[in-house]
Amino acid sequence: MIALIQRVSQAKVVVGGSTIGAIDAGLMVLLCAERGDTEKQADALLAKLLAYRVFADDADKMNRSVTDTKGGLLLVPQFTLAADTNSGTRPSFTPAAAPELASQLFAYFVRAAKAKHAQVEAGQFGADMQVSLTNDGPVTFWLQIKPPVPSV
């Protein structure tokens, strides 16, 4: 699974003219399931995400996590993060999980996040979403948990 995380001072997701998720300070997370991903990868990515230190401490060093700061999490499904852009001028989405599996893993991730973190908002899988944010820093990181390679 892939998470593109951005430290934000605010972020929101709008679908059909209505805001369906919004946070103040915290992390806006674009989330993508890849082929072979399972709940095990989702759990590992969530643990890393909640512990990842991207917020400043009293010495202005990135030593605090979203858990430490009690910041918001805005989770947004984003299958294009799995794009293969190695050849041509049109991306291939072959590495992305099939929509049914991706939808299930996104829903699982949101439920698991809500069980572990106080403030979690989410976008809508498969919807045409308008996402707006104010990146604080800017601070942006790519987190990825790969499924184990099958032995031959």
C-alpha atoms as a PDB file:
ATOM      1  CA  MET A   1       0.000   0.000   0.000  1.00  0.00           C
ATOM      2  CA  ILE A   2       1.044   3.551  -0.675  1.00  0.00           C
ATOM      3  CA  ALA A   3       0.364   6.686   1.348  1.00  0.00           C
ATOM      4  CA  LEU A   4       1.355  10.128   0.157  1.00  0.00           C
ATOM      5  CA  ILE A   5       1.147  12.182   3.338  1.00  0.00           C
ATOM      6  CA  GLN A   6       1.106  15.938   3.580  1.00  0.00           C
ATOM      7  CA  ARG A   7       1.323  17.932   6.784  1.00  0.00           C
ATOM      8  CA  VAL A   8      -1.496  20.445   6.542  1.00  0.00           C
ATOM      9  CA  SER A   9      -2.924  23.374   8.448  1.00  0.00           C
ATOM     10  CA  GLN A  10      -6.311  22.481   6.902  1.00  0.00           C
ATOM     11  CA  ALA A  11      -7.741  20.142   4.260  1.00  0.00           C
ATOM     12  CA  LYS A  12     -11.131  19.121   2.947  1.00  0.00           C
ATOM     13  CA  VAL A  13     -12.843  16.854   0.427  1.00  0.00           C
ATOM     14  CA  VAL A  14     -15.924  17.950  -1.490  1.00  0.00           C
ATOM     15  CA  VAL A  15     -18.217  15.606  -3.455  1.00  0.00           C
ATOM     16  CA  GLY A  16     -21.146  16.971  -5.431  1.00  0.00           C
ATOM     17  CA  GLY A  17     -20.793  20.404  -3.860  1.00  0.00           C
ATOM     18  CA  SER A  18     -20.897  19.098  -0.271  1.00  0.00           C
ATOM     19  CA  THR A  19     -17.954  18.812   2.099  1.00  0.00           C
ATOM     20  CA  ILE A  20     -17.739  15.162   3.174  1.00  0.00           C
ATOM     21  CA  GLY A  21     -14.529  15.390   5.199  1.00  0.00           C
ATOM     22  CA  ALA A  22     -12.472  18.211   6.670  1.00  0.00           C
ATOM     23  CA  ILE A  23      -9.656  18.655   9.180  1.00  0.00           C
ATOM     24  CA  ASP A  24      -7.641  21.469  10.650  1.00  0.00           C
ATOM     25  CA  ALA A  25      -3.971  20.785  11.489  1.00  0.00           C
ATOM     26  CA  GLY A  26      -2.905  17.218  10.789  1.00  0.00           C
ATOM     27  CA  LEU A  27      -2.194  14.918   7.861  1.00  0.00           C
ATOM     28  CA  MET A  28      -3.949  14.705   4.520  1.00  0.00           C
ATOM     29  CA  VAL A  29      -3.277  11.192   3.225  1.00  0.00           C
ATOM     30  CA  LEU A  30      -3.697  10.030  -0.362  1.00  0.00           C
ATOM     31  CA  LEU A  31      -4.069   6.253  -0.055  1.00  0.00           C
ATOM     32  CA  CYS A  32      -3.600   3.571  -2.712  1.00  0.00           C
ATOM     33  CA  ALA A  33      -3.893  -0.210  -2.637  1.00  0.00           C
ATOM     34  CA  GLU A  34      -1.680  -2.181  -4.999  1.00  0.00           C
ATOM     35  CA  ARG A  35      -2.094  -5.683  -6.392  1.00  0.00           C
ATOM     36  CA  GLY A  36      -1.249  -8.221  -3.705  1.00  0.00           C
ATOM     37  CA  ASP A  37      -2.028  -5.897  -0.790  1.00  0.00           C
ATOM     38  CA  THR A  38      -3.974  -7.295   2.142  1.00  0.00           C
ATOM     39  CA  GLU A  39      -5.169  -6.076   5.523  1.00  0.00           C
ATOM     40  CA  LYS A  40      -1.679  -6.936   6.788  1.00  0.00           C
ATOM     41  CA  GLN A  41      -0.148  -4.209   4.594  1.00  0.00           C
ATOM     42  CA  ALA A  42      -2.938  -1.814   5.619  1.00  0.00           C
ATOM     43  CA  ASP A  43      -2.222  -2.437   9.311  1.00  0.00           C
ATOM     44  CA  ALA A  44       1.522  -1.923   8.823  1.00  0.00           C
ATOM     45  CA  LEU A  45       1.001   1.278   6.849  1.00  0.00           C
ATOM     46  CA  LEU A  46      -1.437   2.660   9.423  1.00  0.00           C
ATOM     47  CA  ALA A  47       0.990   1.934  12.264  1.00  0.00           C
ATOM     48  CA  LYS A  48       3.793   3.714  10.381  1.00  0.00           C
ATOM     49  CA  LEU A  49       1.530   6.632   9.460  1.00  0.00           C
ATOM     50  CA  LEU A  50       0.354   7.207  13.033  1.00  0.00           C
ATOM     51  CA  ALA A  51       3.919   7.077  14.372  1.00  0.00           C
ATOM     52  CA  TYR A  52       5.666   9.004  11.560  1.00  0.00           C
ATOM     53  CA  ARG A  53       7.317  12.089  13.045  1.00  0.00           C
ATOM     54  CA  VAL A  54       6.583  15.090  10.818  1.00  0.00           C
ATOM     55  CA  PHE A  55       5.481  17.707  13.361  1.00  0.00           C
ATOM     56  CA  ALA A  56       7.850  20.047  15.165  1.00  0.00           C
ATOM     57  CA  ASP A  57       8.794  19.675  18.807  1.00  0.00           C
ATOM     58  CA  ASP A  58       9.811  22.535  21.103  1.00  0.00           C
ATOM     59  CA  ALA A  59      13.265  22.628  19.433  1.00  0.00           C
ATOM     60  CA  ASP A  60      11.598  22.926  15.979  1.00  0.00           C
ATOM     61  CA  LYS A  61      12.731  19.415  14.974  1.00  0.00           C
ATOM     62  CA  MET A  62      10.399  16.909  13.303  1.00  0.00           C
ATOM     63  CA  ASN A  63      10.000  14.713  16.368  1.00  0.00           C
ATOM     64  CA  ARG A  64       6.231  14.530  16.886  1.00  0.00           C
ATOM     65  CA  SER A  65       3.670  12.318  15.177  1.00  0.00           C
ATOM     66  CA  VAL A  66       0.031  12.999  14.359  1.00  0.00           C
ATOM     67  CA  THR A  67      -0.744  10.822  17.388  1.00  0.00           C
ATOM     68  CA  ASP A  68       1.462  13.023  19.597  1.00  0.00           C
ATOM     69  CA  THR A  69      -0.151  16.226  18.327  1.00  0.00           C
ATOM     70  CA  LYS A  70      -3.692  14.802  18.299  1.00  0.00           C
ATOM     71  CA  GLY A  71      -4.008  16.210  14.782  1.00  0.00           C
ATOM     72  CA  GLY A  72      -6.602  15.246  12.227  1.00  0.00           C
ATOM     73  CA  LEU A  73      -6.310  12.583   9.543  1.00  0.00           C
ATOM     74  CA  LEU A  74      -8.030  13.072   6.205  1.00  0.00           C
ATOM     75  CA  LEU A  75      -7.864   9.814   4.221  1.00  0.00           C
ATOM     76  CA  VAL A  76      -8.484  10.077   0.474  1.00  0.00           C
ATOM     77  CA  PRO A  77      -8.498   7.103  -1.936  1.00  0.00           C
ATOM     78  CA  GLN A  78      -6.091   7.744  -4.838  1.00  0.00           C
ATOM     79  CA  PHE A  79      -5.461   4.806  -7.207  1.00  0.00           C
ATOM     80  CA  THR A  80      -3.255   6.901  -9.511  1.00  0.00           C
ATOM     81  CA  LEU A  81      -0.401   6.658  -6.984  1.00  0.00           C
ATOM     82  CA  ALA A  82       0.196   3.130  -8.316  1.00  0.00           C
ATOM     83  CA  ALA A  83       0.652   4.359 -11.891  1.00  0.00           C
ATOM     84  CA  ASP A  84       3.469   2.855 -13.945  1.00  0.00           C
ATOM     85  CA  THR A  85       4.994   5.811 -15.794  1.00  0.00           C
ATOM     86  CA  ASN A  86       8.133   4.093 -17.057  1.00  0.00           C
ATOM     87  CA  SER A  87       7.234   4.128 -20.742  1.00  0.00           C
ATOM     88  CA  GLY A  88       5.197   6.220 -23.128  1.00  0.00           C
ATOM     89  CA  THR A  89       3.152   9.260 -22.296  1.00  0.00           C
ATOM     90  CA  ARG A  90       0.090   7.552 -20.838  1.00  0.00           C
ATOM     91  CA  PRO A  91       0.244   5.951 -17.375  1.00  0.00           C
ATOM     92  CA  SER A  92      -0.585   2.301 -16.859  1.00  0.00           C
ATOM     93  CA  PHE A  93      -2.578   1.406 -13.763  1.00  0.00           C
ATOM     94  CA  THR A  94      -1.760  -2.309 -13.848  1.00  0.00           C
ATOM     95  CA  PRO A  95       0.042  -2.110 -10.462  1.00  0.00           C
ATOM     96  CA  ALA A  96      -3.114  -0.815  -8.741  1.00  0.00           C
ATOM     97  CA  ALA A  97      -5.402  -3.226  -6.935  1.00  0.00           C
ATOM     98  CA  ALA A  98      -8.660  -4.086  -8.687  1.00  0.00           C
ATOM     99  CA  PRO A  99     -11.422  -1.622  -7.717  1.00  0.00           C
ATOM    100  CA  GLU A 100     -13.360  -4.120  -5.550  1.00  0.00           C
ATOM    101  CA  LEU A 101     -10.277  -5.024  -3.484  1.00  0.00           C
ATOM    102  CA  ALA A 102      -9.090  -1.413  -3.342  1.00  0.00           C
ATOM    103  CA  SER A 103     -12.500  -0.294  -2.071  1.00  0.00           C
ATOM    104  CA  GLN A 104     -12.488  -2.976   0.619  1.00  0.00           C
ATOM    105  CA  LEU A 105      -8.939  -2.099   1.734  1.00  0.00           C
ATOM    106  CA  PHE A 106      -9.723   1.625   1.823  1.00  0.00           C
ATOM    107  CA  ALA A 107     -12.821   0.979   3.964  1.00  0.00           C
ATOM    108  CA  TYR A 108     -10.784  -1.321   6.228  1.00  0.00           C
ATOM    109  CA  PHE A 109      -8.046   1.325   6.573  1.00  0.00           C
ATOM    110  CA  VAL A 110     -10.594   4.006   7.517  1.00  0.00           C
ATOM    111  CA  ARG A 111     -12.230   1.735  10.124  1.00  0.00           C
ATOM    112  CA  ALA A 112      -8.840   0.767  11.579  1.00  0.00           C
ATOM    113  CA  ALA A 113      -7.726   4.411  11.698  1.00  0.00           C
ATOM    114  CA  LYS A 114     -10.936   5.433  13.492  1.00  0.00           C
ATOM    115  CA  ALA A 115     -10.325   2.685  16.067  1.00  0.00           C
ATOM    116  CA  LYS A 116      -6.821   4.000  16.792  1.00  0.00           C
ATOM    117  CA  HIS A 117      -7.047   7.767  16.297  1.00  0.00           C
ATOM    118  CA  ALA A 118      -9.547  10.318  17.586  1.00  0.00           C
ATOM    119  CA  GLN A 119     -10.047  12.530  14.533  1.00  0.00           C
ATOM    120  CA  VAL A 120     -10.388  10.713  11.188  1.00  0.00           C
ATOM    121  CA  GLU A 121     -12.241  11.977   8.127  1.00  0.00           C
ATOM    122  CA  ALA A 122     -12.384  10.327   4.707  1.00  0.00           C
ATOM    123  CA  GLY A 123     -13.041  10.877   1.050  1.00  0.00           C
ATOM    124  CA  GLN A 124     -15.356   8.620  -0.948  1.00  0.00           C
ATOM    125  CA  PHE A 125     -14.004   5.707  -2.953  1.00  0.00           C
ATOM    126  CA  GLY A 126     -14.843   5.994  -6.661  1.00  0.00           C
ATOM    127  CA  ALA A 127     -16.284   9.505  -6.382  1.00  0.00           C
ATOM    128  CA  ASP A 128     -15.236  12.591  -8.305  1.00  0.00           C
ATOM    129  CA  MET A 129     -13.688  14.481  -5.402  1.00  0.00           C
ATOM    130  CA  GLN A 130     -12.351  17.995  -5.121  1.00  0.00           C
ATOM    131  CA  VAL A 131      -9.557  18.004  -2.559  1.00  0.00           C
ATOM    132  CA  SER A 132      -8.154  21.240  -1.175  1.00  0.00           C
ATOM    133  CA  LEU A 133      -5.446  21.723   1.391  1.00  0.00           C
ATOM    134  CA  THR A 134      -2.899  24.077   2.784  1.00  0.00           C
ATOM    135  CA  ASN A 135       0.375  22.165   2.927  1.00  0.00           C
ATOM    136  CA  ASP A 136       2.240  23.270   6.057  1.00  0.00           C
ATOM    137  CA  GLY A 137       5.944  23.589   5.340  1.00  0.00           C
ATOM    138  CA  PRO A 138       5.542  22.268   2.691  1.00  0.00           C
ATOM    139  CA  VAL A 139       6.011  18.803   4.148  1.00  0.00           C
ATOM    140  CA  THR A 140       5.202  15.774   1.970  1.00  0.00           C
ATOM    141  CA  PHE A 141       6.340  12.140   2.323  1.00  0.00           C
ATOM    142  CA  TRP A 142       5.795   8.904   0.392  1.00  0.00           C
ATOM    143  CA  LEU A 143       5.209   5.852   2.594  1.00  0.00           C
ATOM    144  CA  GLN A 144       4.926   2.399   1.054  1.00  0.00           C
ATOM    145  CA  ILE A 145       4.469  -1.081   2.468  1.00  0.00           C
ATOM    146  CA  LYS A 146       4.989  -3.780  -0.153  1.00  0.00           C
ATOM    147  CA  PRO A 147       3.479  -7.251   0.033  1.00  0.00           C
ATOM    148  CA  PRO A 148       6.013 -10.057   0.378  1.00  0.00           C
ATOM    149  CA  VAL A 149       7.359 -11.413  -2.897  1.00  0.00           C
ATOM    150  CA  PRO A 150       6.095 -14.977  -3.420  1.00  0.00           C
ATOM    151  CA  SER A 151       8.871 -17.571  -3.287  1.00  0.00           C
ATOM    152  CA  VAL A 152       9.384 -19.659  -6.365  1.00  0.00           C
END
